[in-house]
Protein backbone atom coordinates (compact mmCIF):
# COMPACT_ATOMS: atom_id res chain seq x y z
CA UNK A 1 87.34 59.33 -69.29
CA UNK A 2 88.96 61.91 -67.03
CA UNK A 3 91.56 60.42 -64.74
CA UNK A 4 89.87 61.88 -61.65
CA UNK A 5 86.90 59.51 -62.12
CA UNK A 6 89.21 56.53 -61.61
CA UNK A 7 90.62 57.69 -58.28
CA UNK A 8 89.76 55.52 -55.33
CA UNK A 9 87.99 57.02 -52.36
CA UNK A 10 87.75 53.79 -50.36
CA UNK A 11 89.99 52.11 -47.80
CA UNK A 12 90.85 49.26 -50.18
CA UNK A 13 90.78 50.71 -53.69
CA UNK A 14 88.83 47.60 -54.75
CA UNK A 15 86.00 48.21 -57.23
CA UNK A 16 82.78 46.25 -56.65
CA UNK A 17 79.65 46.21 -58.79
CA UNK A 18 76.61 46.05 -56.53
CA UNK A 19 73.87 46.37 -59.13
CA UNK A 20 71.91 43.19 -59.42
CA UNK A 21 71.92 42.45 -55.71
CA UNK A 22 68.29 43.70 -55.57
CA UNK A 23 68.76 45.37 -52.22
CA UNK A 24 69.61 42.07 -50.56
CA UNK A 25 71.85 42.83 -47.58
CA UNK A 26 73.33 39.32 -47.52
CA UNK A 27 74.24 39.51 -51.20
CA UNK A 28 75.94 42.87 -50.66
CA UNK A 29 77.88 41.56 -47.66
CA UNK A 30 78.98 38.47 -49.58
CA UNK A 31 80.02 40.34 -52.72
CA UNK A 32 82.08 42.99 -50.89
CA UNK A 33 83.71 40.38 -48.64
CA UNK A 34 84.54 38.12 -51.60
CA UNK A 35 86.11 40.93 -53.63
CA UNK A 36 88.21 42.13 -50.69
CA UNK A 37 89.50 38.59 -50.18
CA UNK A 38 90.18 38.20 -53.92
CA UNK A 39 92.18 41.41 -53.76
CA UNK A 40 94.38 39.90 -51.05
CA UNK A 41 92.89 41.87 -48.18
CA UNK A 42 91.32 39.28 -45.84
CA UNK A 43 91.88 41.39 -42.72
CA UNK A 44 90.02 44.28 -44.32
CA UNK A 45 87.26 41.85 -45.33
CA UNK A 46 86.82 40.80 -41.70
CA UNK A 47 86.91 44.43 -40.55
CA UNK A 48 84.25 45.26 -43.14
CA UNK A 49 82.00 42.39 -42.04
CA UNK A 50 82.35 43.30 -38.37
CA UNK A 51 81.41 46.93 -39.03
CA UNK A 52 78.77 46.42 -41.73
CA UNK A 53 76.71 44.06 -39.60
CA UNK A 54 76.39 46.40 -36.63
CA UNK A 55 73.55 48.57 -37.88
CA UNK A 56 70.82 49.23 -40.37
CA UNK A 57 70.69 48.55 -44.09
CA UNK A 58 71.72 52.17 -44.67
CA UNK A 59 74.73 51.63 -42.39
CA UNK A 60 75.64 48.56 -44.45
CA UNK A 61 75.58 50.58 -47.68
CA UNK A 62 77.59 53.42 -46.15
CA UNK A 63 80.15 50.94 -44.81
CA UNK A 64 80.42 49.21 -48.19
CA UNK A 65 81.14 52.57 -49.83
CA UNK A 66 83.78 53.25 -47.17
CA UNK A 67 85.61 49.97 -47.81
CA UNK A 68 85.25 49.56 -51.58
CA UNK A 69 84.59 51.71 -54.62
CA UNK A 70 81.01 50.86 -55.55
CA UNK A 71 80.43 50.88 -59.30
C-alpha cells in the first residue's frame, strides 16, 4: 500500500469504521465519540458532538470526516 493512503486528513488522526451503522445518525455519533475518547481525546469528542448535532445528516457525515479518518 502506498504510504500516502495512510496519511491522516482529520483533526484527530483516529481511524473509524462506519460501515455497518446502516445510516443511523445516533450510531455514527456514538462510534466517532467512543473512538475519540479511546484515543485519549475527550475534548475533541465533545467538540465533535457539539458540532455534529447542529445540522442535517449530511452535516453529521461531513463533521465526522473532519474529525476522524473514516474507513
